[in-house]
Amino acid sequence: MSKSLNKFTKLFLIFSKIGLFSFGGGFAMIPLLKREIVDNCNFISAEELADVISLCESAPGSISVNMATFVGFRAAGFWGAASATFGVVIPSFIIIAVLSLFINAFRAHPTVRYAFYGIRIGVLSLIINAFLSIYKSYSKTLFSYLLMAVTFIFVTIFRVNAIYMLLICMVAGILKALASKEGI
């Protein structure tokens, strides 16, 4: 029981740190998540992390909560999922609760506006870092580049809902896998 409790505590603390220090949502947390759960704790591999990101992004709900739940379950079952999920949610809950008391009074203050501007730039760099990390782990084939380009065009230019594009990409990936197994 002590070993299990240590694992639950470790999951809670890791995901609390991720929840506390990853501003900008799920994609901004990927570099910290990789370092903690892949490099430091070996809960999952880097390749599995890329799959988890894809799975959690396509599932309903917050990607950070989905990832915490998935990794926690993978590492220590139901209670691991509960520990990791609770850990990733608690810091945000506390921060938002405290900020909500003061934000209206300081929203127009130049220092606060500049701070949020700086945070947005930092988040953008973390998202680019996450993109590059995911990009490195996938095979670079003509199919993947075409799928990426078509998805980007449809989402940015034609404003097709990203969920629909994720579903289309999933079907395209399944069809590609079936075609390559069949020798088509």
N, C-alpha and C. Protein backbone atom coordinates (compact mmCIF):
# COMPACT_ATOMS: atom_id res chain seq x y z
N MET A 1 0.82 -1.20 0.00
CA MET A 1 0.00 0.00 0.00
C MET A 1 0.86 1.26 0.00
N SER A 2 1.98 1.21 0.73
CA SER A 2 2.86 2.37 0.81
C SER A 2 3.42 2.74 -0.56
N LYS A 3 3.77 1.72 -1.36
CA LYS A 3 4.30 1.98 -2.69
C LYS A 3 3.24 2.63 -3.57
N SER A 4 1.98 2.13 -3.47
CA SER A 4 0.88 2.72 -4.23
C SER A 4 0.63 4.15 -3.80
N LEU A 5 0.63 4.37 -2.49
CA LEU A 5 0.40 5.72 -1.97
C LEU A 5 1.48 6.66 -2.46
N ASN A 6 2.71 6.20 -2.49
CA ASN A 6 3.80 7.03 -3.01
C ASN A 6 3.58 7.37 -4.48
N LYS A 7 3.09 6.42 -5.26
CA LYS A 7 2.84 6.67 -6.68
C LYS A 7 1.70 7.67 -6.85
N PHE A 8 0.64 7.53 -6.02
CA PHE A 8 -0.47 8.47 -6.09
C PHE A 8 -0.01 9.87 -5.71
N THR A 9 0.80 9.95 -4.66
CA THR A 9 1.32 11.24 -4.22
C THR A 9 2.22 11.84 -5.29
N LYS A 10 3.05 11.01 -5.89
CA LYS A 10 3.95 11.48 -6.95
C LYS A 10 3.14 12.02 -8.13
N LEU A 11 2.11 11.28 -8.55
CA LEU A 11 1.26 11.73 -9.64
C LEU A 11 0.58 13.05 -9.29
N PHE A 12 0.06 13.14 -8.07
CA PHE A 12 -0.59 14.36 -7.63
C PHE A 12 0.38 15.54 -7.67
N LEU A 13 1.58 15.35 -7.14
CA LEU A 13 2.56 16.44 -7.09
C LEU A 13 3.06 16.83 -8.47
N ILE A 14 3.30 15.85 -9.33
CA ILE A 14 3.75 16.15 -10.70
C ILE A 14 2.69 16.96 -11.43
N PHE A 15 1.46 16.50 -11.36
CA PHE A 15 0.41 17.20 -12.10
C PHE A 15 0.00 18.51 -11.44
N SER A 16 0.22 18.65 -10.13
CA SER A 16 0.01 19.95 -9.48
C SER A 16 1.03 20.95 -10.01
N LYS A 17 2.28 20.50 -10.14
CA LYS A 17 3.33 21.38 -10.67
C LYS A 17 3.01 21.75 -12.11
N ILE A 18 2.59 20.78 -12.89
CA ILE A 18 2.23 21.06 -14.29
C ILE A 18 1.05 22.03 -14.33
N GLY A 19 0.05 21.80 -13.49
CA GLY A 19 -1.10 22.68 -13.45
C GLY A 19 -0.75 24.08 -12.98
N LEU A 20 0.21 24.18 -12.10
CA LEU A 20 0.61 25.48 -11.55
C LEU A 20 1.48 26.28 -12.52
N PHE A 21 2.35 25.60 -13.26
CA PHE A 21 3.33 26.31 -14.08
C PHE A 21 3.08 26.26 -15.58
N SER A 22 1.98 25.73 -16.01
CA SER A 22 1.74 25.69 -17.45
C SER A 22 0.61 26.64 -17.81
N PHE A 23 0.99 27.89 -18.02
CA PHE A 23 0.04 28.89 -18.46
C PHE A 23 -0.28 28.66 -19.92
N GLY A 24 -1.52 28.89 -20.31
CA GLY A 24 -1.87 28.82 -21.71
C GLY A 24 -2.56 27.55 -22.12
N GLY A 25 -2.87 26.68 -21.21
CA GLY A 25 -3.65 25.50 -21.55
C GLY A 25 -2.81 24.28 -21.85
N GLY A 26 -3.49 23.29 -22.40
CA GLY A 26 -2.91 21.97 -22.60
C GLY A 26 -1.66 21.93 -23.44
N PHE A 27 -1.65 22.65 -24.56
CA PHE A 27 -0.48 22.57 -25.44
C PHE A 27 0.73 23.24 -24.81
N ALA A 28 0.49 24.25 -24.01
CA ALA A 28 1.61 24.93 -23.35
C ALA A 28 2.24 24.05 -22.29
N MET A 29 1.51 23.06 -21.79
CA MET A 29 2.05 22.20 -20.73
C MET A 29 2.86 21.03 -21.27
N ILE A 30 2.87 20.81 -22.57
CA ILE A 30 3.51 19.63 -23.15
C ILE A 30 5.00 19.54 -22.84
N PRO A 31 5.79 20.62 -22.95
CA PRO A 31 7.22 20.48 -22.62
C PRO A 31 7.46 20.04 -21.17
N LEU A 32 6.72 20.63 -20.23
CA LEU A 32 6.86 20.24 -18.83
C LEU A 32 6.35 18.82 -18.61
N LEU A 33 5.26 18.49 -19.25
CA LEU A 33 4.70 17.14 -19.15
C LEU A 33 5.70 16.11 -19.66
N LYS A 34 6.33 16.39 -20.79
CA LYS A 34 7.31 15.46 -21.35
C LYS A 34 8.47 15.25 -20.38
N ARG A 35 8.98 16.34 -19.83
CA ARG A 35 10.10 16.22 -18.91
C ARG A 35 9.73 15.42 -17.68
N GLU A 36 8.55 15.66 -17.14
CA GLU A 36 8.17 15.01 -15.88
C GLU A 36 7.74 13.56 -16.06
N ILE A 37 6.83 13.29 -17.01
CA ILE A 37 6.26 11.94 -17.07
C ILE A 37 7.00 11.01 -18.02
N VAL A 38 7.75 11.58 -18.97
CA VAL A 38 8.51 10.75 -19.90
C VAL A 38 9.97 10.64 -19.44
N ASP A 39 10.62 11.78 -19.31
CA ASP A 39 12.06 11.78 -19.01
C ASP A 39 12.37 11.41 -17.55
N ASN A 40 11.67 12.02 -16.61
CA ASN A 40 11.99 11.82 -15.19
C ASN A 40 11.38 10.55 -14.59
N CYS A 41 10.11 10.28 -14.90
CA CYS A 41 9.40 9.17 -14.22
C CYS A 41 9.16 7.95 -15.09
N ASN A 42 9.34 8.08 -16.38
CA ASN A 42 9.10 6.97 -17.31
C ASN A 42 7.71 6.34 -17.17
N PHE A 43 6.70 7.18 -16.93
CA PHE A 43 5.34 6.66 -16.88
C PHE A 43 4.88 6.21 -18.26
N ILE A 44 5.29 6.96 -19.31
CA ILE A 44 5.01 6.61 -20.70
C ILE A 44 6.22 7.01 -21.54
N SER A 45 6.28 6.49 -22.78
CA SER A 45 7.40 6.84 -23.67
C SER A 45 7.07 8.12 -24.44
N ALA A 46 8.07 8.68 -25.10
CA ALA A 46 7.87 9.89 -25.90
C ALA A 46 6.89 9.61 -27.05
N GLU A 47 7.00 8.44 -27.64
CA GLU A 47 6.08 8.07 -28.72
C GLU A 47 4.65 7.96 -28.20
N GLU A 48 4.50 7.34 -27.02
CA GLU A 48 3.17 7.24 -26.41
C GLU A 48 2.61 8.62 -26.08
N LEU A 49 3.49 9.54 -25.66
CA LEU A 49 3.04 10.90 -25.35
C LEU A 49 2.41 11.55 -26.57
N ALA A 50 3.03 11.38 -27.73
CA ALA A 50 2.46 11.96 -28.95
C ALA A 50 1.08 11.36 -29.23
N ASP A 51 0.94 10.06 -29.01
CA ASP A 51 -0.38 9.42 -29.19
C ASP A 51 -1.38 9.92 -28.16
N VAL A 52 -0.93 10.08 -26.93
CA VAL A 52 -1.82 10.58 -25.86
C VAL A 52 -2.29 11.99 -26.19
N ILE A 53 -1.39 12.83 -26.69
CA ILE A 53 -1.76 14.19 -27.05
C ILE A 53 -2.84 14.16 -28.13
N SER A 54 -2.65 13.33 -29.15
CA SER A 54 -3.65 13.23 -30.22
C SER A 54 -4.98 12.74 -29.68
N LEU A 55 -4.94 11.72 -28.86
CA LEU A 55 -6.16 11.15 -28.28
C LEU A 55 -6.87 12.17 -27.39
N CYS A 56 -6.12 12.81 -26.51
CA CYS A 56 -6.72 13.73 -25.56
C CYS A 56 -7.23 15.00 -26.22
N GLU A 57 -6.59 15.42 -27.30
CA GLU A 57 -7.06 16.59 -28.04
C GLU A 57 -8.38 16.30 -28.74
N SER A 58 -8.55 15.08 -29.21
CA SER A 58 -9.76 14.75 -29.94
C SER A 58 -10.92 14.37 -29.02
N ALA A 59 -10.63 14.09 -27.76
CA ALA A 59 -11.69 13.75 -26.80
C ALA A 59 -12.32 15.03 -26.25
N PRO A 60 -13.57 14.97 -25.85
CA PRO A 60 -14.21 16.16 -25.25
C PRO A 60 -13.53 16.55 -23.94
N GLY A 61 -13.54 17.82 -23.65
CA GLY A 61 -12.98 18.31 -22.39
C GLY A 61 -11.62 18.94 -22.56
N SER A 62 -11.09 19.38 -21.46
CA SER A 62 -9.79 20.06 -21.44
C SER A 62 -8.67 19.06 -21.71
N ILE A 63 -7.75 19.43 -22.58
CA ILE A 63 -6.65 18.52 -22.92
C ILE A 63 -5.79 18.24 -21.68
N SER A 64 -5.61 19.23 -20.81
CA SER A 64 -4.77 19.01 -19.63
C SER A 64 -5.42 18.01 -18.67
N VAL A 65 -6.72 18.12 -18.48
CA VAL A 65 -7.43 17.17 -17.61
C VAL A 65 -7.45 15.79 -18.26
N ASN A 66 -7.70 15.74 -19.56
CA ASN A 66 -7.70 14.45 -20.26
C ASN A 66 -6.33 13.77 -20.16
N MET A 67 -5.27 14.56 -20.34
CA MET A 67 -3.92 13.98 -20.27
C MET A 67 -3.59 13.50 -18.87
N ALA A 68 -3.95 14.29 -17.87
CA ALA A 68 -3.70 13.88 -16.49
C ALA A 68 -4.44 12.59 -16.16
N THR A 69 -5.68 12.52 -16.59
CA THR A 69 -6.49 11.33 -16.32
C THR A 69 -5.89 10.12 -17.02
N PHE A 70 -5.53 10.27 -18.28
CA PHE A 70 -4.99 9.15 -19.06
C PHE A 70 -3.66 8.67 -18.47
N VAL A 71 -2.75 9.59 -18.25
CA VAL A 71 -1.43 9.22 -17.74
C VAL A 71 -1.55 8.64 -16.33
N GLY A 72 -2.37 9.25 -15.49
CA GLY A 72 -2.57 8.74 -14.13
C GLY A 72 -3.14 7.33 -14.14
N PHE A 73 -4.10 7.08 -15.03
CA PHE A 73 -4.68 5.74 -15.12
C PHE A 73 -3.65 4.75 -15.62
N ARG A 74 -2.88 5.15 -16.60
CA ARG A 74 -1.84 4.28 -17.16
C ARG A 74 -0.78 3.94 -16.12
N ALA A 75 -0.46 4.91 -15.27
CA ALA A 75 0.60 4.71 -14.28
C ALA A 75 0.11 3.96 -13.04
N ALA A 76 -1.15 4.19 -12.62
CA ALA A 76 -1.58 3.61 -11.34
C ALA A 76 -3.08 3.34 -11.26
N GLY A 77 -3.72 3.09 -12.38
CA GLY A 77 -5.13 2.71 -12.36
C GLY A 77 -6.06 3.86 -11.98
N PHE A 78 -7.23 3.49 -11.48
CA PHE A 78 -8.27 4.48 -11.17
C PHE A 78 -7.78 5.56 -10.21
N TRP A 79 -7.15 5.15 -9.10
CA TRP A 79 -6.72 6.14 -8.10
C TRP A 79 -5.55 6.98 -8.63
N GLY A 80 -4.76 6.44 -9.52
CA GLY A 80 -3.73 7.24 -10.18
C GLY A 80 -4.35 8.31 -11.06
N ALA A 81 -5.41 7.93 -11.78
CA ALA A 81 -6.13 8.89 -12.62
C ALA A 81 -6.76 9.98 -11.76
N ALA A 82 -7.35 9.59 -10.64
CA ALA A 82 -7.97 10.56 -9.74
C ALA A 82 -6.91 11.50 -9.16
N SER A 83 -5.78 10.96 -8.74
CA SER A 83 -4.71 11.77 -8.16
C SER A 83 -4.16 12.78 -9.16
N ALA A 84 -3.87 12.31 -10.37
CA ALA A 84 -3.31 13.19 -11.40
C ALA A 84 -4.32 14.25 -11.82
N THR A 85 -5.57 13.86 -12.00
CA THR A 85 -6.61 14.80 -12.42
C THR A 85 -6.84 15.85 -11.35
N PHE A 86 -6.96 15.43 -10.11
CA PHE A 86 -7.13 16.36 -9.01
C PHE A 86 -5.93 17.30 -8.93
N GLY A 87 -4.73 16.76 -9.11
CA GLY A 87 -3.52 17.56 -9.06
C GLY A 87 -3.46 18.64 -10.12
N VAL A 88 -3.88 18.32 -11.34
CA VAL A 88 -3.79 19.31 -12.42
C VAL A 88 -4.88 20.38 -12.30
N VAL A 89 -5.99 20.05 -11.66
CA VAL A 89 -7.12 20.99 -11.57
C VAL A 89 -6.99 21.95 -10.38
N ILE A 90 -6.49 21.47 -9.26
CA ILE A 90 -6.45 22.27 -8.03
C ILE A 90 -5.71 23.61 -8.19
N PRO A 91 -4.49 23.65 -8.76
CA PRO A 91 -3.81 24.95 -8.86
C PRO A 91 -4.62 25.97 -9.67
N SER A 92 -5.18 25.54 -10.79
CA SER A 92 -5.97 26.47 -11.61
C SER A 92 -7.19 26.96 -10.86
N PHE A 93 -7.85 26.05 -10.17
CA PHE A 93 -9.03 26.42 -9.40
C PHE A 93 -8.70 27.48 -8.36
N ILE A 94 -7.62 27.28 -7.63
CA ILE A 94 -7.24 28.23 -6.58
C ILE A 94 -6.83 29.57 -7.20
N ILE A 95 -6.02 29.53 -8.25
CA ILE A 95 -5.57 30.77 -8.89
C ILE A 95 -6.75 31.56 -9.45
N ILE A 96 -7.66 30.89 -10.15
CA ILE A 96 -8.82 31.57 -10.74
C ILE A 96 -9.72 32.13 -9.64
N ALA A 97 -9.91 31.37 -8.57
CA ALA A 97 -10.75 31.84 -7.47
C ALA A 97 -10.17 33.12 -6.86
N VAL A 98 -8.86 33.15 -6.65
CA VAL A 98 -8.22 34.33 -6.06
C VAL A 98 -8.24 35.49 -7.05
N LEU A 99 -7.88 35.24 -8.31
CA LEU A 99 -7.85 36.31 -9.31
C LEU A 99 -9.23 36.92 -9.56
N SER A 100 -10.26 36.10 -9.48
CA SER A 100 -11.60 36.62 -9.74
C SER A 100 -12.00 37.68 -8.72
N LEU A 101 -11.38 37.65 -7.56
CA LEU A 101 -11.68 38.65 -6.55
C LEU A 101 -11.09 40.02 -6.91
N PHE A 102 -10.02 40.03 -7.71
CA PHE A 102 -9.28 41.27 -7.95
C PHE A 102 -9.22 41.72 -9.41
N ILE A 103 -9.54 40.87 -10.36
CA ILE A 103 -9.26 41.16 -11.76
C ILE A 103 -9.97 42.42 -12.28
N ASN A 104 -11.22 42.63 -11.90
CA ASN A 104 -11.94 43.81 -12.41
C ASN A 104 -11.30 45.11 -11.95
N ALA A 105 -10.76 45.12 -10.75
CA ALA A 105 -10.14 46.34 -10.22
C ALA A 105 -8.84 46.68 -10.94
N PHE A 106 -8.14 45.66 -11.50
CA PHE A 106 -6.82 45.90 -12.09
C PHE A 106 -6.76 45.66 -13.60
N ARG A 107 -7.85 45.26 -14.22
CA ARG A 107 -7.84 44.91 -15.64
C ARG A 107 -7.30 46.02 -16.53
N ALA A 108 -7.68 47.26 -16.26
CA ALA A 108 -7.27 48.38 -17.11
C ALA A 108 -5.87 48.91 -16.78
N HIS A 109 -5.29 48.46 -15.70
CA HIS A 109 -3.97 48.95 -15.32
C HIS A 109 -2.93 48.52 -16.36
N PRO A 110 -2.08 49.46 -16.82
CA PRO A 110 -1.10 49.13 -17.86
C PRO A 110 -0.18 47.96 -17.52
N THR A 111 0.24 47.86 -16.28
CA THR A 111 1.14 46.77 -15.89
C THR A 111 0.46 45.42 -16.08
N VAL A 112 -0.81 45.34 -15.71
CA VAL A 112 -1.56 44.08 -15.86
C VAL A 112 -1.73 43.76 -17.34
N ARG A 113 -2.07 44.78 -18.15
CA ARG A 113 -2.22 44.56 -19.60
C ARG A 113 -0.91 44.05 -20.21
N TYR A 114 0.21 44.66 -19.82
CA TYR A 114 1.50 44.23 -20.35
C TYR A 114 1.88 42.83 -19.86
N ALA A 115 1.52 42.53 -18.64
CA ALA A 115 1.79 41.19 -18.10
C ALA A 115 1.05 40.14 -18.93
N PHE A 116 -0.23 40.39 -19.22
CA PHE A 116 -0.99 39.43 -20.03
C PHE A 116 -0.45 39.36 -21.46
N TYR A 117 0.02 40.48 -21.98
CA TYR A 117 0.65 40.48 -23.30
C TYR A 117 1.89 39.59 -23.29
N GLY A 118 2.72 39.73 -22.26
CA GLY A 118 3.92 38.90 -22.13
C GLY A 118 3.58 37.43 -21.96
N ILE A 119 2.55 37.14 -21.17
CA ILE A 119 2.14 35.75 -20.97
C ILE A 119 1.69 35.14 -22.31
N ARG A 120 0.93 35.90 -23.10
CA ARG A 120 0.47 35.38 -24.41
C ARG A 120 1.64 35.05 -25.31
N ILE A 121 2.67 35.89 -25.31
CA ILE A 121 3.85 35.61 -26.14
C ILE A 121 4.56 34.37 -25.62
N GLY A 122 4.68 34.25 -24.31
CA GLY A 122 5.30 33.06 -23.73
C GLY A 122 4.52 31.79 -24.07
N VAL A 123 3.21 31.88 -24.01
CA VAL A 123 2.35 30.73 -24.34
C VAL A 123 2.53 30.35 -25.80
N LEU A 124 2.60 31.34 -26.68
CA LEU A 124 2.81 31.06 -28.10
C LEU A 124 4.12 30.30 -28.30
N SER A 125 5.17 30.69 -27.62
CA SER A 125 6.45 29.98 -27.77
C SER A 125 6.35 28.55 -27.24
N LEU A 126 5.60 28.33 -26.16
CA LEU A 126 5.41 26.98 -25.64
C LEU A 126 4.60 26.12 -26.61
N ILE A 127 3.61 26.72 -27.26
CA ILE A 127 2.81 25.98 -28.24
C ILE A 127 3.67 25.60 -29.45
N ILE A 128 4.51 26.52 -29.89
CA ILE A 128 5.43 26.21 -31.00
C ILE A 128 6.38 25.10 -30.59
N ASN A 129 6.88 25.15 -29.36
CA ASN A 129 7.75 24.09 -28.84
C ASN A 129 7.02 22.75 -28.84
N ALA A 130 5.76 22.76 -28.41
CA ALA A 130 4.97 21.52 -28.40
C ALA A 130 4.78 21.01 -29.82
N PHE A 131 4.51 21.91 -30.76
CA PHE A 131 4.35 21.51 -32.16
C PHE A 131 5.62 20.83 -32.65
N LEU A 132 6.76 21.44 -32.39
CA LEU A 132 8.03 20.87 -32.86
C LEU A 132 8.30 19.52 -32.22
N SER A 133 7.98 19.39 -30.94
CA SER A 133 8.17 18.12 -30.25
C SER A 133 7.30 17.02 -30.85
N ILE A 134 6.05 17.33 -31.12
CA ILE A 134 5.15 16.35 -31.74
C ILE A 134 5.59 16.05 -33.16
N TYR A 135 5.97 17.08 -33.88
CA TYR A 135 6.40 16.93 -35.27
C TYR A 135 7.59 15.97 -35.39
N LYS A 136 8.52 16.07 -34.46
CA LYS A 136 9.71 15.21 -34.49
C LYS A 136 9.37 13.74 -34.32
N SER A 137 8.29 13.45 -33.59
CA SER A 137 7.97 12.05 -33.28
C SER A 137 7.14 11.36 -34.36
N TYR A 138 6.65 12.09 -35.35
CA TYR A 138 5.84 11.48 -36.39
C TYR A 138 6.64 11.24 -37.66
N SER A 139 6.21 10.24 -38.42
CA SER A 139 6.90 9.96 -39.68
C SER A 139 6.60 11.07 -40.68
N LYS A 140 7.59 11.40 -41.45
CA LYS A 140 7.45 12.46 -42.44
C LYS A 140 7.22 11.82 -43.81
N THR A 141 5.95 11.63 -44.13
CA THR A 141 5.60 11.03 -45.42
C THR A 141 4.79 12.04 -46.21
N LEU A 142 4.65 11.77 -47.49
CA LEU A 142 3.84 12.63 -48.34
C LEU A 142 2.41 12.69 -47.80
N PHE A 143 1.90 11.55 -47.36
CA PHE A 143 0.54 11.49 -46.82
C PHE A 143 0.39 12.41 -45.61
N SER A 144 1.34 12.35 -44.67
CA SER A 144 1.23 13.17 -43.46
C SER A 144 1.34 14.66 -43.79
N TYR A 145 2.22 15.03 -44.73
CA TYR A 145 2.34 16.44 -45.11
C TYR A 145 1.07 16.93 -45.81
N LEU A 146 0.51 16.11 -46.70
CA LEU A 146 -0.73 16.51 -47.37
C LEU A 146 -1.88 16.66 -46.39
N LEU A 147 -1.99 15.70 -45.47
CA LEU A 147 -3.04 15.76 -44.48
C LEU A 147 -2.89 17.00 -43.60
N MET A 148 -1.66 17.31 -43.22
CA MET A 148 -1.40 18.49 -42.40
C MET A 148 -1.77 19.77 -43.16
N ALA A 149 -1.37 19.87 -44.43
CA ALA A 149 -1.65 21.06 -45.23
C ALA A 149 -3.15 21.23 -45.46
N VAL A 150 -3.82 20.14 -45.82
CA VAL A 150 -5.27 20.22 -46.07
C VAL A 150 -6.00 20.63 -44.80
N THR A 151 -5.62 20.05 -43.69
CA THR A 151 -6.26 20.39 -42.41
C THR A 151 -6.04 21.85 -42.07
N PHE A 152 -4.81 22.31 -42.21
CA PHE A 152 -4.50 23.71 -41.92
C PHE A 152 -5.32 24.65 -42.79
N ILE A 153 -5.40 24.36 -44.08
CA ILE A 153 -6.16 25.20 -45.02
C ILE A 153 -7.65 25.21 -44.65
N PHE A 154 -8.20 24.05 -44.40
CA PHE A 154 -9.63 23.98 -44.10
C PHE A 154 -9.98 24.68 -42.78
N VAL A 155 -9.11 24.57 -41.79
CA VAL A 155 -9.41 25.19 -40.50
C VAL A 155 -9.17 26.70 -40.55
N THR A 156 -8.08 27.14 -41.17
CA THR A 156 -7.76 28.57 -41.14
C THR A 156 -8.48 29.38 -42.21
N ILE A 157 -8.57 28.86 -43.41
CA ILE A 157 -9.17 29.64 -44.51
C ILE A 157 -10.67 29.42 -44.60
N PHE A 158 -11.09 28.18 -44.58
CA PHE A 158 -12.51 27.88 -44.75
C PHE A 158 -13.26 27.80 -43.43
N ARG A 159 -12.55 27.96 -42.32
CA ARG A 159 -13.15 27.97 -40.98
C ARG A 159 -13.96 26.72 -40.66
N VAL A 160 -13.49 25.57 -41.15
CA VAL A 160 -14.13 24.30 -40.81
C VAL A 160 -13.80 23.99 -39.35
N ASN A 161 -14.77 23.53 -38.62
CA ASN A 161 -14.59 23.21 -37.21
C ASN A 161 -13.44 22.21 -37.05
N ALA A 162 -12.54 22.50 -36.12
CA ALA A 162 -11.37 21.65 -35.91
C ALA A 162 -11.75 20.23 -35.50
N ILE A 163 -12.85 20.08 -34.81
CA ILE A 163 -13.30 18.74 -34.41
C ILE A 163 -13.63 17.91 -35.64
N TYR A 164 -14.30 18.52 -36.61
CA TYR A 164 -14.60 17.79 -37.85
C TYR A 164 -13.32 17.39 -38.56
N MET A 165 -12.36 18.30 -38.57
CA MET A 165 -11.09 17.99 -39.24
C MET A 165 -10.34 16.88 -38.51
N LEU A 166 -10.40 16.87 -37.19
CA LEU A 166 -9.76 15.79 -36.43
C LEU A 166 -10.41 14.45 -36.77
N LEU A 167 -11.73 14.45 -36.87
CA LEU A 167 -12.44 13.21 -37.23
C LEU A 167 -12.07 12.76 -38.64
N ILE A 168 -11.99 13.71 -39.56
CA ILE A 168 -11.62 13.40 -40.94
C ILE A 168 -10.19 12.85 -40.98
N CYS A 169 -9.28 13.48 -40.23
CA CYS A 169 -7.89 13.01 -40.17
C CYS A 169 -7.82 11.61 -39.56
N MET A 170 -8.63 11.35 -38.56
CA MET A 170 -8.65 10.03 -37.95
C MET A 170 -9.09 8.98 -38.97
N VAL A 171 -10.17 9.28 -39.70
CA VAL A 171 -10.66 8.35 -40.72
C VAL A 171 -9.61 8.17 -41.82
N ALA A 172 -8.99 9.27 -42.23
CA ALA A 172 -7.95 9.18 -43.26
C ALA A 172 -6.79 8.32 -42.78
N GLY A 173 -6.39 8.47 -41.52
CA GLY A 173 -5.31 7.65 -40.98
C GLY A 173 -5.67 6.18 -40.93
N ILE A 174 -6.91 5.89 -40.54
CA ILE A 174 -7.38 4.50 -40.51
C ILE A 174 -7.39 3.92 -41.91
N LEU A 175 -7.93 4.68 -42.86
CA LEU A 175 -7.98 4.20 -44.26
C LEU A 175 -6.57 3.99 -44.81
N LYS A 176 -5.66 4.88 -44.49
CA LYS A 176 -4.27 4.75 -44.95
C LYS A 176 -3.64 3.48 -44.36
N ALA A 177 -3.89 3.24 -43.07
CA ALA A 177 -3.34 2.05 -42.42
C ALA A 177 -3.93 0.78 -43.04
N LEU A 178 -5.24 0.78 -43.28
CA LEU A 178 -5.88 -0.39 -43.89
C LEU A 178 -5.36 -0.62 -45.31
N ALA A 179 -5.19 0.46 -46.05
CA ALA A 179 -4.69 0.35 -47.42
C ALA A 179 -3.26 -0.19 -47.45
N SER A 180 -2.45 0.24 -46.52
CA SER A 180 -1.06 -0.23 -46.51
C SER A 180 -0.97 -1.67 -46.04
N LYS A 181 -1.86 -2.12 -45.18
CA LYS A 181 -1.89 -3.51 -44.73
C LYS A 181 -2.42 -4.43 -45.83
N GLU A 182 -3.34 -3.90 -46.61
CA GLU A 182 -3.95 -4.69 -47.68
C GLU A 182 -3.04 -4.73 -48.92
N GLY A 183 -2.03 -3.86 -48.92
CA GLY A 183 -1.15 -3.81 -50.08
C GLY A 183 -1.73 -3.01 -51.23
N ILE A 184 -2.69 -2.16 -50.91
CA ILE A 184 -3.35 -1.34 -51.96
C ILE A 184 -2.48 -0.17 -52.30
